[in-house]
């Protein structure tokens, strides 16, 4: 049994960078549409934020749009993976507490399920970085 577990551990340890790549690409895909939506009509997003009582709603609309758009690009490249994960986690926290919390947990009820999953994936990237298949790895290996 111990030998089987050792083989399984050896095999799965080789998958870590592939998993980190898939997390990055999944998150980039998930942030793409919201980023595009914000930039297609940033003033409407600012108005929506204002209707929810956000402080500085138009500034926050721009900050959210910039963060999500930068997140898409940086996550795809694996550039500044740990760094971009922090503001994206913050965006998810704001989304949970201002939009999704009243829907409960389930995504089908516009609950906080999906933003929570995104936060957990982002936290993993913050801790483990972008992995072997990232620009971060290329940059830091060269130094």
N, C-alpha and C. Protein backbone atom coordinates (compact mmCIF):
# COMPACT_ATOMS: atom_id res chain seq x y z
N UNK A 1 0.82 -1.19 0.00
CA UNK A 1 0.00 0.00 0.00
C UNK A 1 0.87 1.26 0.00
N UNK A 2 1.94 1.24 0.80
CA UNK A 2 2.83 2.39 0.89
C UNK A 2 3.49 2.67 -0.47
N UNK A 3 3.88 1.62 -1.19
CA UNK A 3 4.50 1.77 -2.50
C UNK A 3 3.51 2.38 -3.48
N UNK A 4 2.27 1.96 -3.43
CA UNK A 4 1.23 2.50 -4.31
C UNK A 4 1.03 3.99 -4.03
N UNK A 5 0.99 4.35 -2.78
CA UNK A 5 0.83 5.76 -2.42
C UNK A 5 2.04 6.59 -2.85
N UNK A 6 3.22 6.03 -2.73
CA UNK A 6 4.43 6.72 -3.19
C UNK A 6 4.38 6.96 -4.70
N UNK A 7 3.95 5.95 -5.46
CA UNK A 7 3.83 6.09 -6.92
C UNK A 7 2.79 7.14 -7.28
N UNK A 8 1.69 7.13 -6.56
CA UNK A 8 0.63 8.12 -6.80
C UNK A 8 1.14 9.52 -6.50
N UNK A 9 1.86 9.67 -5.42
CA UNK A 9 2.42 10.97 -5.04
C UNK A 9 3.42 11.45 -6.09
N UNK A 10 4.28 10.57 -6.57
CA UNK A 10 5.26 10.92 -7.60
C UNK A 10 4.56 11.36 -8.88
N UNK A 11 3.55 10.60 -9.27
CA UNK A 11 2.81 10.92 -10.49
C UNK A 11 2.09 12.26 -10.36
N UNK A 12 1.38 12.47 -9.27
CA UNK A 12 0.61 13.71 -9.12
C UNK A 12 1.50 14.93 -8.94
N UNK A 13 2.69 14.74 -8.38
CA UNK A 13 3.59 15.88 -8.20
C UNK A 13 4.05 16.43 -9.55
N UNK A 14 3.98 15.61 -10.58
CA UNK A 14 4.36 16.06 -11.92
C UNK A 14 3.25 16.87 -12.59
N UNK A 15 2.07 16.84 -12.01
CA UNK A 15 0.93 17.54 -12.59
C UNK A 15 0.74 18.95 -12.03
N UNK A 16 1.51 19.34 -11.03
CA UNK A 16 1.25 20.61 -10.35
C UNK A 16 1.26 21.81 -11.28
N UNK A 17 2.22 21.89 -12.19
CA UNK A 17 2.28 23.04 -13.09
C UNK A 17 1.14 23.02 -14.11
N UNK A 18 0.73 21.85 -14.52
CA UNK A 18 -0.40 21.76 -15.44
C UNK A 18 -1.68 22.25 -14.74
N UNK A 19 -1.86 21.86 -13.50
CA UNK A 19 -3.02 22.30 -12.72
C UNK A 19 -3.00 23.81 -12.55
N UNK A 20 -1.83 24.39 -12.25
CA UNK A 20 -1.73 25.84 -12.08
C UNK A 20 -2.03 26.55 -13.39
N UNK A 21 -1.58 26.00 -14.51
CA UNK A 21 -1.91 26.57 -15.82
C UNK A 21 -3.41 26.53 -16.05
N UNK A 22 -4.03 25.39 -15.77
CA UNK A 22 -5.48 25.26 -15.97
C UNK A 22 -6.25 26.21 -15.05
N UNK A 23 -5.80 26.39 -13.83
CA UNK A 23 -6.44 27.36 -12.93
C UNK A 23 -6.33 28.77 -13.51
N UNK A 24 -5.15 29.14 -13.98
CA UNK A 24 -4.96 30.47 -14.55
C UNK A 24 -5.86 30.70 -15.75
N UNK A 25 -5.91 29.72 -16.66
CA UNK A 25 -6.72 29.88 -17.87
C UNK A 25 -8.21 29.89 -17.57
N UNK A 26 -8.64 29.07 -16.63
CA UNK A 26 -10.04 29.05 -16.23
C UNK A 26 -10.45 30.39 -15.63
N UNK A 27 -9.64 30.92 -14.75
CA UNK A 27 -9.93 32.22 -14.15
C UNK A 27 -9.91 33.34 -15.19
N UNK A 28 -8.95 33.31 -16.09
CA UNK A 28 -8.89 34.33 -17.14
C UNK A 28 -10.16 34.30 -17.98
N UNK A 29 -10.61 33.12 -18.32
CA UNK A 29 -11.86 32.97 -19.07
C UNK A 29 -13.04 33.51 -18.26
N UNK A 30 -13.06 33.22 -16.97
CA UNK A 30 -14.15 33.67 -16.10
C UNK A 30 -14.18 35.17 -15.92
N UNK A 31 -13.04 35.83 -15.91
CA UNK A 31 -12.99 37.28 -15.75
C UNK A 31 -13.14 38.03 -17.07
N UNK A 32 -13.00 37.34 -18.20
CA UNK A 32 -13.03 38.00 -19.51
C UNK A 32 -14.36 38.71 -19.77
N UNK A 33 -15.46 37.99 -19.65
CA UNK A 33 -16.76 38.58 -19.97
C UNK A 33 -17.12 39.74 -19.03
N UNK A 34 -16.94 39.59 -17.70
CA UNK A 34 -17.20 40.75 -16.84
C UNK A 34 -16.32 41.96 -17.16
N UNK A 35 -15.07 41.72 -17.52
CA UNK A 35 -14.18 42.84 -17.88
C UNK A 35 -14.68 43.54 -19.14
N UNK A 36 -15.05 42.76 -20.15
CA UNK A 36 -15.56 43.33 -21.40
C UNK A 36 -16.86 44.08 -21.14
N UNK A 37 -17.73 43.50 -20.32
CA UNK A 37 -19.00 44.15 -20.00
C UNK A 37 -18.76 45.52 -19.34
N UNK A 38 -17.81 45.57 -18.43
CA UNK A 38 -17.52 46.83 -17.76
C UNK A 38 -17.00 47.86 -18.76
N UNK A 39 -16.07 47.46 -19.62
CA UNK A 39 -15.47 48.41 -20.54
C UNK A 39 -16.39 48.80 -21.68
N UNK A 40 -17.39 47.98 -21.99
CA UNK A 40 -18.35 48.35 -23.03
C UNK A 40 -19.24 49.51 -22.59
N UNK A 41 -19.51 49.64 -21.29
CA UNK A 41 -20.33 50.75 -20.79
C UNK A 41 -19.95 51.04 -19.34
N UNK A 42 -18.77 51.59 -19.18
CA UNK A 42 -18.23 51.84 -17.83
C UNK A 42 -19.11 52.81 -17.05
N UNK A 43 -19.76 53.76 -17.75
CA UNK A 43 -20.60 54.71 -17.01
C UNK A 43 -21.85 54.02 -16.47
N UNK A 44 -22.39 53.04 -17.19
CA UNK A 44 -23.53 52.28 -16.66
C UNK A 44 -23.11 51.47 -15.43
N UNK A 45 -21.91 50.94 -15.45
CA UNK A 45 -21.41 50.18 -14.30
C UNK A 45 -21.24 51.14 -13.12
N UNK A 46 -20.70 52.33 -13.38
CA UNK A 46 -20.57 53.33 -12.32
C UNK A 46 -21.94 53.71 -11.75
N UNK A 47 -22.93 53.85 -12.62
CA UNK A 47 -24.29 54.14 -12.16
C UNK A 47 -24.87 53.02 -11.32
N UNK A 48 -24.60 51.78 -11.74
CA UNK A 48 -25.06 50.61 -10.98
C UNK A 48 -24.40 50.58 -9.61
N UNK A 49 -23.08 50.83 -9.58
CA UNK A 49 -22.37 50.88 -8.31
C UNK A 49 -22.94 51.99 -7.43
N UNK A 50 -23.27 53.13 -8.04
CA UNK A 50 -23.86 54.24 -7.30
C UNK A 50 -25.20 53.84 -6.69
N UNK A 51 -26.01 53.10 -7.46
CA UNK A 51 -27.33 52.68 -6.96
C UNK A 51 -27.23 51.70 -5.79
N UNK A 52 -26.07 51.02 -5.69
CA UNK A 52 -25.85 50.10 -4.57
C UNK A 52 -25.16 50.78 -3.40
N UNK A 53 -24.88 52.06 -3.54
CA UNK A 53 -24.28 52.81 -2.44
C UNK A 53 -22.77 52.68 -2.32
N UNK A 54 -22.09 52.25 -3.39
CA UNK A 54 -20.63 52.18 -3.36
C UNK A 54 -20.07 53.59 -3.16
N UNK A 55 -19.03 53.74 -2.35
CA UNK A 55 -18.36 55.04 -2.31
C UNK A 55 -17.57 55.21 -3.62
N UNK A 56 -17.50 56.43 -4.11
CA UNK A 56 -16.78 56.73 -5.36
C UNK A 56 -17.12 55.70 -6.45
N UNK A 57 -18.38 55.60 -6.83
CA UNK A 57 -18.82 54.52 -7.71
C UNK A 57 -18.13 54.48 -9.08
N UNK A 58 -17.88 55.64 -9.67
CA UNK A 58 -17.27 55.64 -11.01
C UNK A 58 -15.79 55.28 -10.93
N UNK A 59 -15.12 55.75 -9.89
CA UNK A 59 -13.73 55.35 -9.68
C UNK A 59 -13.65 53.84 -9.45
N UNK A 60 -14.56 53.32 -8.63
CA UNK A 60 -14.57 51.88 -8.36
C UNK A 60 -14.91 51.07 -9.61
N UNK A 61 -15.76 51.61 -10.47
CA UNK A 61 -16.06 50.92 -11.73
C UNK A 61 -14.80 50.80 -12.58
N UNK A 62 -14.05 51.91 -12.66
CA UNK A 62 -12.79 51.87 -13.41
C UNK A 62 -11.78 50.93 -12.77
N UNK A 63 -11.67 50.99 -11.45
CA UNK A 63 -10.72 50.10 -10.76
C UNK A 63 -11.07 48.63 -10.97
N UNK A 64 -12.36 48.29 -10.87
CA UNK A 64 -12.78 46.91 -11.09
C UNK A 64 -12.51 46.50 -12.54
N UNK A 65 -12.83 47.39 -13.48
CA UNK A 65 -12.59 47.08 -14.89
C UNK A 65 -11.12 46.90 -15.22
N UNK A 66 -10.29 47.77 -14.68
CA UNK A 66 -8.84 47.66 -14.89
C UNK A 66 -8.31 46.37 -14.27
N UNK A 67 -8.75 46.09 -13.05
CA UNK A 67 -8.28 44.88 -12.35
C UNK A 67 -8.68 43.62 -13.10
N UNK A 68 -9.94 43.55 -13.54
CA UNK A 68 -10.38 42.35 -14.25
C UNK A 68 -9.69 42.21 -15.61
N UNK A 69 -9.57 43.31 -16.36
CA UNK A 69 -8.90 43.25 -17.66
C UNK A 69 -7.42 42.87 -17.51
N UNK A 70 -6.75 43.51 -16.56
CA UNK A 70 -5.35 43.16 -16.30
C UNK A 70 -5.24 41.72 -15.85
N UNK A 71 -6.19 41.28 -15.03
CA UNK A 71 -6.21 39.89 -14.57
C UNK A 71 -6.28 38.91 -15.71
N UNK A 72 -7.12 39.19 -16.69
CA UNK A 72 -7.24 38.29 -17.85
C UNK A 72 -5.89 38.14 -18.53
N UNK A 73 -5.27 39.26 -18.85
CA UNK A 73 -3.99 39.24 -19.58
C UNK A 73 -2.90 38.59 -18.74
N UNK A 74 -2.77 39.02 -17.50
CA UNK A 74 -1.68 38.52 -16.66
C UNK A 74 -1.85 37.05 -16.30
N UNK A 75 -3.08 36.61 -16.08
CA UNK A 75 -3.30 35.19 -15.78
C UNK A 75 -3.01 34.31 -16.99
N UNK A 76 -3.40 34.75 -18.18
CA UNK A 76 -3.09 33.97 -19.39
C UNK A 76 -1.58 33.82 -19.54
N UNK A 77 -0.86 34.92 -19.35
CA UNK A 77 0.59 34.89 -19.50
C UNK A 77 1.29 34.23 -18.32
N UNK A 78 0.65 34.26 -17.17
CA UNK A 78 1.34 33.80 -15.96
C UNK A 78 2.38 34.82 -15.54
N UNK A 79 2.05 36.08 -15.71
CA UNK A 79 2.96 37.17 -15.39
C UNK A 79 2.41 37.92 -14.16
N UNK A 80 3.19 38.01 -13.11
CA UNK A 80 2.73 38.66 -11.89
C UNK A 80 1.55 37.92 -11.27
N UNK A 81 1.58 36.61 -11.39
CA UNK A 81 0.45 35.78 -10.96
C UNK A 81 0.10 36.00 -9.50
N UNK A 82 1.09 35.95 -8.64
CA UNK A 82 0.83 36.15 -7.21
C UNK A 82 0.30 37.56 -6.94
N UNK A 83 0.89 38.53 -7.62
CA UNK A 83 0.52 39.93 -7.41
C UNK A 83 -0.91 40.22 -7.87
N UNK A 84 -1.30 39.80 -9.06
CA UNK A 84 -2.65 40.10 -9.57
C UNK A 84 -3.72 39.31 -8.82
N UNK A 85 -3.34 38.22 -8.20
CA UNK A 85 -4.32 37.44 -7.44
C UNK A 85 -4.91 38.23 -6.28
N UNK A 86 -4.12 39.09 -5.67
CA UNK A 86 -4.58 39.85 -4.49
C UNK A 86 -5.72 40.80 -4.84
N UNK A 87 -5.57 41.70 -5.83
CA UNK A 87 -6.71 42.57 -6.14
C UNK A 87 -7.90 41.82 -6.72
N UNK A 88 -7.66 40.72 -7.41
CA UNK A 88 -8.79 39.94 -7.92
C UNK A 88 -9.56 39.28 -6.77
N UNK A 89 -8.86 38.85 -5.74
CA UNK A 89 -9.54 38.32 -4.55
C UNK A 89 -10.39 39.42 -3.92
N UNK A 90 -9.85 40.61 -3.86
CA UNK A 90 -10.60 41.75 -3.30
C UNK A 90 -11.85 42.02 -4.13
N UNK A 91 -11.74 42.00 -5.46
CA UNK A 91 -12.91 42.19 -6.33
C UNK A 91 -13.96 41.13 -6.04
N UNK A 92 -13.53 39.88 -5.83
CA UNK A 92 -14.49 38.81 -5.52
C UNK A 92 -15.15 39.03 -4.15
N UNK A 93 -14.38 39.50 -3.17
CA UNK A 93 -14.97 39.78 -1.86
C UNK A 93 -16.03 40.87 -1.95
N UNK A 94 -15.73 41.93 -2.70
CA UNK A 94 -16.70 43.00 -2.88
C UNK A 94 -17.94 42.46 -3.59
N UNK A 95 -17.75 41.65 -4.62
CA UNK A 95 -18.89 41.07 -5.34
C UNK A 95 -19.74 40.20 -4.42
N UNK A 96 -19.10 39.42 -3.59
CA UNK A 96 -19.84 38.55 -2.67
C UNK A 96 -20.68 39.38 -1.71
N UNK A 97 -20.05 40.37 -1.07
CA UNK A 97 -20.74 41.11 -0.02
C UNK A 97 -21.73 42.15 -0.54
N UNK A 98 -21.59 42.58 -1.79
CA UNK A 98 -22.52 43.59 -2.28
C UNK A 98 -23.57 43.04 -3.25
N UNK A 99 -23.31 41.92 -3.88
CA UNK A 99 -24.24 41.41 -4.89
C UNK A 99 -24.73 39.99 -4.59
N UNK A 100 -23.83 39.09 -4.25
CA UNK A 100 -24.17 37.67 -4.22
C UNK A 100 -24.61 37.11 -2.88
N UNK A 101 -24.29 37.77 -1.80
CA UNK A 101 -24.57 37.22 -0.47
C UNK A 101 -26.07 36.99 -0.25
N UNK A 102 -26.88 37.93 -0.68
CA UNK A 102 -28.32 37.79 -0.46
C UNK A 102 -28.93 36.64 -1.25
N UNK A 103 -28.24 36.15 -2.26
CA UNK A 103 -28.71 34.99 -3.03
C UNK A 103 -28.38 33.66 -2.39
N UNK A 104 -27.70 33.69 -1.24
CA UNK A 104 -27.29 32.46 -0.58
C UNK A 104 -26.07 31.87 -1.26
N UNK A 105 -25.88 30.57 -1.10
CA UNK A 105 -24.68 29.93 -1.63
C UNK A 105 -24.79 29.59 -3.12
N UNK A 106 -25.90 29.04 -3.54
CA UNK A 106 -26.02 28.43 -4.87
C UNK A 106 -25.91 29.44 -6.01
N UNK A 107 -25.11 29.08 -6.99
CA UNK A 107 -24.93 29.92 -8.17
C UNK A 107 -26.25 30.11 -8.91
N UNK A 108 -27.11 29.10 -8.91
CA UNK A 108 -28.40 29.18 -9.61
C UNK A 108 -29.28 30.30 -9.06
N UNK A 109 -29.05 30.70 -7.83
CA UNK A 109 -29.80 31.79 -7.20
C UNK A 109 -29.01 33.10 -7.16
N UNK A 110 -27.98 33.21 -8.03
CA UNK A 110 -27.05 34.34 -8.03
C UNK A 110 -26.34 34.46 -6.68
N UNK A 111 -26.09 33.30 -6.07
CA UNK A 111 -25.40 33.26 -4.80
C UNK A 111 -23.90 33.42 -4.95
N UNK A 112 -23.20 33.21 -3.86
CA UNK A 112 -21.76 33.49 -3.83
C UNK A 112 -20.89 32.27 -4.18
N UNK A 113 -21.48 31.21 -4.68
CA UNK A 113 -20.74 29.99 -4.98
C UNK A 113 -19.59 30.23 -5.95
N UNK A 114 -19.86 30.80 -7.10
CA UNK A 114 -18.82 31.00 -8.13
C UNK A 114 -17.74 31.98 -7.65
N UNK A 115 -18.10 33.15 -7.11
CA UNK A 115 -17.03 34.02 -6.60
C UNK A 115 -16.18 33.36 -5.51
N UNK A 116 -16.81 32.52 -4.69
CA UNK A 116 -16.05 31.80 -3.67
C UNK A 116 -15.05 30.84 -4.32
N UNK A 117 -15.50 30.11 -5.32
CA UNK A 117 -14.58 29.20 -6.04
C UNK A 117 -13.44 29.99 -6.68
N UNK A 118 -13.76 31.13 -7.29
CA UNK A 118 -12.72 31.97 -7.89
C UNK A 118 -11.71 32.40 -6.82
N UNK A 119 -12.22 32.80 -5.66
CA UNK A 119 -11.32 33.22 -4.58
C UNK A 119 -10.40 32.08 -4.16
N UNK A 120 -10.93 30.89 -4.04
CA UNK A 120 -10.11 29.74 -3.65
C UNK A 120 -9.05 29.45 -4.71
N UNK A 121 -9.42 29.54 -5.99
CA UNK A 121 -8.44 29.33 -7.06
C UNK A 121 -7.39 30.42 -7.04
N UNK A 122 -7.82 31.67 -6.86
CA UNK A 122 -6.87 32.79 -6.79
C UNK A 122 -5.94 32.66 -5.59
N UNK A 123 -6.48 32.22 -4.47
CA UNK A 123 -5.65 32.01 -3.29
C UNK A 123 -4.59 30.95 -3.58
N UNK A 124 -4.97 29.89 -4.28
CA UNK A 124 -4.00 28.85 -4.66
C UNK A 124 -2.90 29.44 -5.52
N UNK A 125 -3.26 30.29 -6.48
CA UNK A 125 -2.25 30.91 -7.33
C UNK A 125 -1.38 31.89 -6.54
N UNK A 126 -1.98 32.57 -5.57
CA UNK A 126 -1.20 33.48 -4.74
C UNK A 126 -0.16 32.71 -3.94
N UNK A 127 -0.52 31.53 -3.46
CA UNK A 127 0.39 30.73 -2.65
C UNK A 127 1.43 30.01 -3.51
N UNK A 128 0.99 29.39 -4.61
CA UNK A 128 1.88 28.53 -5.40
C UNK A 128 2.48 29.21 -6.63
N UNK A 129 1.97 30.37 -7.01
CA UNK A 129 2.48 31.06 -8.19
C UNK A 129 1.90 30.47 -9.47
N UNK A 130 2.43 30.92 -10.59
CA UNK A 130 1.90 30.54 -11.90
C UNK A 130 2.34 29.19 -12.40
N UNK A 131 3.33 28.60 -11.78
CA UNK A 131 3.79 27.28 -12.20
C UNK A 131 4.85 27.35 -13.29
N UNK A 132 5.25 26.19 -13.74
CA UNK A 132 6.33 26.05 -14.72
C UNK A 132 5.98 26.67 -16.06
N UNK A 133 4.68 26.64 -16.41
CA UNK A 133 4.24 27.15 -17.72
C UNK A 133 3.76 28.59 -17.59
N UNK A 134 4.66 29.46 -17.14
CA UNK A 134 4.31 30.86 -16.93
C UNK A 134 5.49 31.75 -17.26
N UNK A 135 5.20 32.99 -17.59
CA UNK A 135 6.26 33.97 -17.82
C UNK A 135 7.02 34.21 -16.51
N UNK A 136 6.29 34.18 -15.39
CA UNK A 136 6.96 34.33 -14.09
C UNK A 136 8.10 33.33 -13.95
N UNK A 137 7.84 32.09 -14.29
CA UNK A 137 8.86 31.04 -14.17
C UNK A 137 10.03 31.32 -15.10
N UNK A 138 9.74 31.76 -16.29
CA UNK A 138 10.79 32.08 -17.25
C UNK A 138 11.67 33.22 -16.73
N UNK A 139 11.03 34.26 -16.20
CA UNK A 139 11.78 35.42 -15.69
C UNK A 139 12.64 35.02 -14.50
N UNK A 140 12.07 34.33 -13.54
CA UNK A 140 12.79 34.04 -12.30
C UNK A 140 13.83 32.95 -12.48
N UNK A 141 13.67 32.09 -13.47
CA UNK A 141 14.71 31.07 -13.74
C UNK A 141 15.95 31.71 -14.36
N UNK A 142 15.78 32.80 -15.08
CA UNK A 142 16.88 33.45 -15.79
C UNK A 142 17.78 34.26 -14.86
N UNK A 143 17.28 34.61 -13.71
CA UNK A 143 18.07 35.49 -12.82
C UNK A 143 18.94 34.70 -11.91
